[in-house]
Amino acid sequence: VLFNSPSTQAVILLVCDQPYISSELLNDLITSHKQTHKPIVTCSYGETIGPPALFDRSLFDELMQLKGDVGAKKIIREHSESVATILFSKGNIDIDTAEDYDTLRNSKT
């Protein structure tokens, strides 16, 4: 639905299991997009890049063509020369299990 709106200039895709995503991080993606004019801005953490990631309107058709469990990382790889990255130092921390949740909760006390 958002892809059809002419006023939508970009979308940010994120996953729900990264507890350290913040509004500041999302604003940093937007700022980097505006400053670099790159159609993709993604986060770097650990030895990889990944979500959250911002995709410019010019890539909406490609995003809509993704099928099954193929993620947007495919598009990032195909457009590697058009990618800016920002640091998300805690991006590699995710919550996949009850044990992960307990570990995170205990580390905050």
N, C-alpha and C. Protein backbone atom coordinates (compact mmCIF):
# COMPACT_ATOMS: atom_id res chain seq x y z
N VAL A 1 0.83 -1.19 0.00
CA VAL A 1 0.00 0.00 0.00
C VAL A 1 0.87 1.26 0.00
N LEU A 2 1.87 1.30 0.88
CA LEU A 2 2.75 2.48 0.91
C LEU A 2 3.50 2.66 -0.40
N PHE A 3 3.82 1.54 -1.06
CA PHE A 3 4.56 1.63 -2.31
C PHE A 3 3.75 2.35 -3.39
N ASN A 4 2.43 2.34 -3.28
CA ASN A 4 1.57 2.97 -4.28
C ASN A 4 1.37 4.45 -4.04
N SER A 5 1.72 4.94 -2.88
CA SER A 5 1.51 6.35 -2.56
C SER A 5 2.59 7.20 -3.22
N PRO A 6 2.19 8.18 -4.02
CA PRO A 6 3.19 9.03 -4.68
C PRO A 6 4.02 9.86 -3.71
N SER A 7 3.52 10.05 -2.50
CA SER A 7 4.27 10.86 -1.54
C SER A 7 5.33 10.06 -0.78
N THR A 8 5.31 8.75 -0.91
CA THR A 8 6.30 7.92 -0.23
C THR A 8 7.61 7.95 -1.02
N GLN A 9 8.64 8.50 -0.41
CA GLN A 9 9.93 8.63 -1.09
C GLN A 9 10.89 7.49 -0.79
N ALA A 10 10.69 6.83 0.36
CA ALA A 10 11.56 5.74 0.77
C ALA A 10 10.84 4.94 1.84
N VAL A 11 11.32 3.72 2.06
CA VAL A 11 10.81 2.89 3.14
C VAL A 11 11.99 2.37 3.96
N ILE A 12 11.73 2.12 5.23
CA ILE A 12 12.72 1.50 6.09
C ILE A 12 12.19 0.13 6.46
N LEU A 13 12.98 -0.90 6.16
CA LEU A 13 12.64 -2.26 6.54
C LEU A 13 13.45 -2.63 7.77
N LEU A 14 12.77 -3.18 8.76
CA LEU A 14 13.46 -3.60 9.97
C LEU A 14 12.84 -4.88 10.48
N VAL A 15 13.56 -5.52 11.36
CA VAL A 15 13.07 -6.76 11.97
C VAL A 15 12.71 -6.47 13.42
N CYS A 16 11.85 -7.29 13.94
CA CYS A 16 11.33 -7.02 15.28
C CYS A 16 12.18 -7.63 16.39
N ASP A 17 13.24 -8.35 16.06
CA ASP A 17 14.00 -9.02 17.12
C ASP A 17 15.30 -8.32 17.49
N GLN A 18 15.49 -7.08 17.03
CA GLN A 18 16.67 -6.30 17.40
C GLN A 18 16.25 -5.27 18.46
N PRO A 19 16.51 -5.55 19.73
CA PRO A 19 15.99 -4.69 20.80
C PRO A 19 16.61 -3.30 20.86
N TYR A 20 17.72 -3.08 20.20
CA TYR A 20 18.39 -1.79 20.32
C TYR A 20 18.08 -0.84 19.16
N ILE A 21 17.10 -1.17 18.34
CA ILE A 21 16.66 -0.22 17.32
C ILE A 21 16.02 0.97 18.04
N SER A 22 16.39 2.16 17.62
CA SER A 22 15.86 3.37 18.26
C SER A 22 15.41 4.35 17.18
N SER A 23 14.65 5.33 17.60
CA SER A 23 14.25 6.38 16.66
C SER A 23 15.48 7.14 16.16
N GLU A 24 16.48 7.27 17.00
CA GLU A 24 17.72 7.94 16.59
C GLU A 24 18.39 7.17 15.44
N LEU A 25 18.43 5.86 15.55
CA LEU A 25 19.03 5.04 14.49
C LEU A 25 18.24 5.21 13.19
N LEU A 26 16.93 5.16 13.27
CA LEU A 26 16.10 5.32 12.08
C LEU A 26 16.28 6.71 11.47
N ASN A 27 16.38 7.73 12.31
CA ASN A 27 16.65 9.08 11.81
C ASN A 27 18.02 9.16 11.16
N ASP A 28 19.00 8.43 11.68
CA ASP A 28 20.34 8.40 11.07
C ASP A 28 20.29 7.79 9.67
N LEU A 29 19.46 6.76 9.47
CA LEU A 29 19.29 6.19 8.13
C LEU A 29 18.75 7.25 7.17
N ILE A 30 17.75 7.97 7.61
CA ILE A 30 17.14 9.01 6.78
C ILE A 30 18.15 10.12 6.47
N THR A 31 18.88 10.55 7.48
CA THR A 31 19.88 11.60 7.29
C THR A 31 20.96 11.16 6.31
N SER A 32 21.43 9.93 6.45
CA SER A 32 22.46 9.43 5.54
C SER A 32 21.93 9.38 4.11
N HIS A 33 20.69 8.96 3.95
CA HIS A 33 20.06 8.91 2.61
C HIS A 33 20.04 10.31 2.00
N LYS A 34 19.65 11.30 2.77
CA LYS A 34 19.58 12.67 2.27
C LYS A 34 20.96 13.24 1.96
N GLN A 35 21.95 12.89 2.78
CA GLN A 35 23.30 13.43 2.59
C GLN A 35 24.07 12.74 1.46
N THR A 36 23.91 11.42 1.35
CA THR A 36 24.69 10.66 0.37
C THR A 36 23.98 10.51 -0.97
N HIS A 37 22.66 10.66 -0.97
CA HIS A 37 21.83 10.44 -2.15
C HIS A 37 21.93 9.00 -2.66
N LYS A 38 22.37 8.11 -1.79
CA LYS A 38 22.42 6.68 -2.15
C LYS A 38 21.01 6.11 -2.01
N PRO A 39 20.58 5.24 -2.93
CA PRO A 39 19.24 4.68 -2.86
C PRO A 39 19.05 3.63 -1.77
N ILE A 40 20.15 3.13 -1.23
CA ILE A 40 20.07 2.16 -0.13
C ILE A 40 20.99 2.62 0.99
N VAL A 41 20.45 2.64 2.20
CA VAL A 41 21.27 2.90 3.39
C VAL A 41 20.97 1.77 4.35
N THR A 42 22.00 1.07 4.74
CA THR A 42 21.83 -0.07 5.62
C THR A 42 22.76 0.06 6.81
N CYS A 43 22.58 -0.80 7.76
CA CYS A 43 23.39 -0.76 8.98
C CYS A 43 24.53 -1.76 8.89
N SER A 44 25.64 -1.41 9.50
CA SER A 44 26.77 -2.35 9.61
C SER A 44 26.94 -2.71 11.07
N TYR A 45 27.17 -3.99 11.29
CA TYR A 45 27.43 -4.50 12.64
C TYR A 45 28.13 -5.83 12.52
N GLY A 46 29.02 -6.08 13.47
CA GLY A 46 29.81 -7.31 13.38
C GLY A 46 30.58 -7.30 12.08
N GLU A 47 30.49 -8.39 11.36
CA GLU A 47 31.18 -8.52 10.07
C GLU A 47 30.20 -8.43 8.90
N THR A 48 29.04 -7.85 9.12
CA THR A 48 28.01 -7.88 8.09
C THR A 48 27.27 -6.55 8.00
N ILE A 49 26.40 -6.47 7.02
CA ILE A 49 25.44 -5.38 6.93
C ILE A 49 24.05 -6.00 6.94
N GLY A 50 23.08 -5.21 7.38
CA GLY A 50 21.73 -5.74 7.43
C GLY A 50 20.75 -4.72 7.95
N PRO A 51 19.59 -5.21 8.33
CA PRO A 51 18.53 -4.31 8.79
C PRO A 51 18.87 -3.65 10.11
N PRO A 52 18.23 -2.54 10.33
CA PRO A 52 17.31 -1.81 9.48
C PRO A 52 18.01 -1.27 8.23
N ALA A 53 17.23 -1.15 7.17
CA ALA A 53 17.75 -0.64 5.90
C ALA A 53 16.69 0.24 5.24
N LEU A 54 17.16 1.32 4.65
CA LEU A 54 16.29 2.24 3.93
C LEU A 54 16.43 1.99 2.44
N PHE A 55 15.29 1.96 1.75
CA PHE A 55 15.28 1.77 0.30
C PHE A 55 14.52 2.92 -0.34
N ASP A 56 15.15 3.54 -1.31
CA ASP A 56 14.57 4.65 -2.05
C ASP A 56 13.44 4.15 -2.97
N ARG A 57 12.55 5.04 -3.30
CA ARG A 57 11.44 4.76 -4.18
C ARG A 57 11.88 4.06 -5.48
N SER A 58 13.05 4.38 -5.97
CA SER A 58 13.53 3.79 -7.23
C SER A 58 13.68 2.27 -7.14
N LEU A 59 13.65 1.72 -5.93
CA LEU A 59 13.80 0.27 -5.73
C LEU A 59 12.50 -0.43 -5.33
N PHE A 60 11.40 0.30 -5.28
CA PHE A 60 10.14 -0.30 -4.84
C PHE A 60 9.73 -1.48 -5.71
N ASP A 61 9.88 -1.36 -7.03
CA ASP A 61 9.49 -2.48 -7.90
C ASP A 61 10.29 -3.74 -7.58
N GLU A 62 11.59 -3.57 -7.35
CA GLU A 62 12.42 -4.73 -7.00
C GLU A 62 12.02 -5.33 -5.66
N LEU A 63 11.71 -4.49 -4.70
CA LEU A 63 11.26 -4.99 -3.40
C LEU A 63 9.97 -5.79 -3.55
N MET A 64 9.07 -5.31 -4.36
CA MET A 64 7.79 -6.00 -4.56
C MET A 64 7.95 -7.33 -5.29
N GLN A 65 9.05 -7.51 -6.00
CA GLN A 65 9.29 -8.75 -6.74
C GLN A 65 9.87 -9.86 -5.86
N LEU A 66 10.31 -9.54 -4.66
CA LEU A 66 10.88 -10.56 -3.78
C LEU A 66 9.81 -11.59 -3.44
N LYS A 67 10.19 -12.85 -3.47
CA LYS A 67 9.25 -13.94 -3.20
C LYS A 67 9.84 -14.89 -2.15
N GLY A 68 8.95 -15.52 -1.40
CA GLY A 68 9.37 -16.53 -0.44
C GLY A 68 10.24 -15.95 0.65
N ASP A 69 11.27 -16.70 1.01
CA ASP A 69 12.14 -16.26 2.11
C ASP A 69 13.35 -15.48 1.62
N VAL A 70 13.30 -15.02 0.37
CA VAL A 70 14.38 -14.19 -0.16
C VAL A 70 14.21 -12.79 0.41
N GLY A 71 15.20 -12.35 1.14
CA GLY A 71 15.11 -11.04 1.78
C GLY A 71 15.68 -9.93 0.90
N ALA A 72 15.58 -8.73 1.41
CA ALA A 72 16.05 -7.55 0.69
C ALA A 72 17.58 -7.52 0.57
N LYS A 73 18.26 -8.41 1.29
CA LYS A 73 19.73 -8.45 1.18
C LYS A 73 20.15 -8.75 -0.26
N LYS A 74 19.30 -9.47 -0.99
CA LYS A 74 19.57 -9.74 -2.40
C LYS A 74 19.68 -8.43 -3.18
N ILE A 75 18.78 -7.51 -2.92
CA ILE A 75 18.80 -6.22 -3.60
C ILE A 75 20.03 -5.42 -3.18
N ILE A 76 20.36 -5.49 -1.92
CA ILE A 76 21.56 -4.79 -1.43
C ILE A 76 22.80 -5.31 -2.16
N ARG A 77 22.92 -6.62 -2.30
CA ARG A 77 24.07 -7.21 -3.02
C ARG A 77 24.08 -6.78 -4.49
N GLU A 78 22.93 -6.79 -5.13
CA GLU A 78 22.85 -6.44 -6.55
C GLU A 78 23.17 -4.96 -6.81
N HIS A 79 23.03 -4.13 -5.81
CA HIS A 79 23.27 -2.69 -5.95
C HIS A 79 24.39 -2.23 -5.01
N SER A 80 25.38 -3.06 -4.82
CA SER A 80 26.42 -2.78 -3.82
C SER A 80 27.11 -1.43 -4.02
N GLU A 81 27.19 -0.97 -5.25
CA GLU A 81 27.83 0.33 -5.51
C GLU A 81 26.94 1.50 -5.10
N SER A 82 25.68 1.22 -4.80
CA SER A 82 24.72 2.26 -4.47
C SER A 82 24.28 2.21 -3.01
N VAL A 83 25.14 1.66 -2.16
CA VAL A 83 24.79 1.45 -0.76
C VAL A 83 25.66 2.31 0.15
N ALA A 84 25.00 3.01 1.05
CA ALA A 84 25.69 3.70 2.15
C ALA A 84 25.42 2.89 3.42
N THR A 85 26.34 2.95 4.36
CA THR A 85 26.13 2.23 5.62
C THR A 85 26.32 3.17 6.80
N ILE A 86 25.61 2.85 7.87
CA ILE A 86 25.81 3.54 9.13
C ILE A 86 26.09 2.47 10.18
N LEU A 87 26.81 2.84 11.20
CA LEU A 87 27.15 1.91 12.26
C LEU A 87 25.96 1.69 13.20
N PHE A 88 25.68 0.44 13.45
CA PHE A 88 24.68 0.04 14.46
C PHE A 88 25.41 -0.95 15.36
N SER A 89 26.11 -0.42 16.35
CA SER A 89 27.04 -1.22 17.14
C SER A 89 26.38 -2.40 17.86
N LYS A 90 25.10 -2.29 18.17
CA LYS A 90 24.42 -3.39 18.85
C LYS A 90 23.46 -4.13 17.91
N GLY A 91 23.67 -3.99 16.62
CA GLY A 91 22.80 -4.62 15.65
C GLY A 91 22.89 -6.13 15.61
N ASN A 92 23.99 -6.68 16.07
CA ASN A 92 24.14 -8.14 16.06
C ASN A 92 23.44 -8.79 17.25
N ILE A 93 22.87 -8.00 18.14
CA ILE A 93 22.13 -8.54 19.28
C ILE A 93 20.67 -8.70 18.85
N ASP A 94 20.20 -9.93 18.84
CA ASP A 94 18.80 -10.16 18.51
C ASP A 94 18.21 -11.19 19.45
N ILE A 95 16.92 -11.19 19.50
CA ILE A 95 16.18 -12.05 20.43
C ILE A 95 15.43 -13.10 19.61
N ASP A 96 15.96 -14.31 19.57
CA ASP A 96 15.33 -15.39 18.84
C ASP A 96 14.72 -16.45 19.75
N THR A 97 15.18 -16.49 20.99
CA THR A 97 14.71 -17.53 21.91
C THR A 97 14.43 -16.92 23.28
N ALA A 98 13.76 -17.69 24.11
CA ALA A 98 13.52 -17.26 25.49
C ALA A 98 14.85 -17.07 26.22
N GLU A 99 15.82 -17.90 25.91
CA GLU A 99 17.14 -17.78 26.52
C GLU A 99 17.80 -16.46 26.12
N ASP A 100 17.67 -16.07 24.85
CA ASP A 100 18.20 -14.78 24.40
C ASP A 100 17.56 -13.64 25.19
N TYR A 101 16.26 -13.72 25.37
CA TYR A 101 15.53 -12.69 26.12
C TYR A 101 16.03 -12.62 27.57
N ASP A 102 16.17 -13.78 28.20
CA ASP A 102 16.64 -13.81 29.58
C ASP A 102 18.06 -13.23 29.70
N THR A 103 18.91 -13.56 28.75
CA THR A 103 20.27 -13.03 28.74
C THR A 103 20.25 -11.52 28.62
N LEU A 104 19.42 -10.99 27.72
CA LEU A 104 19.32 -9.54 27.55
C LEU A 104 18.78 -8.89 28.82
N ARG A 105 17.72 -9.44 29.37
CA ARG A 105 17.10 -8.88 30.56
C ARG A 105 18.09 -8.88 31.73
N ASN A 106 18.83 -9.96 31.90
CA ASN A 106 19.80 -10.06 32.99
C ASN A 106 20.98 -9.13 32.80
N SER A 107 21.32 -8.81 31.56
CA SER A 107 22.46 -7.91 31.33
C SER A 107 22.11 -6.46 31.64
N LYS A 108 20.83 -6.14 31.71
CA LYS A 108 20.41 -4.77 32.00
C LYS A 108 20.24 -4.51 33.48
N THR A 109 20.37 -5.54 34.30
CA THR A 109 20.19 -5.34 35.74
C THR A 109 21.50 -5.12 36.44
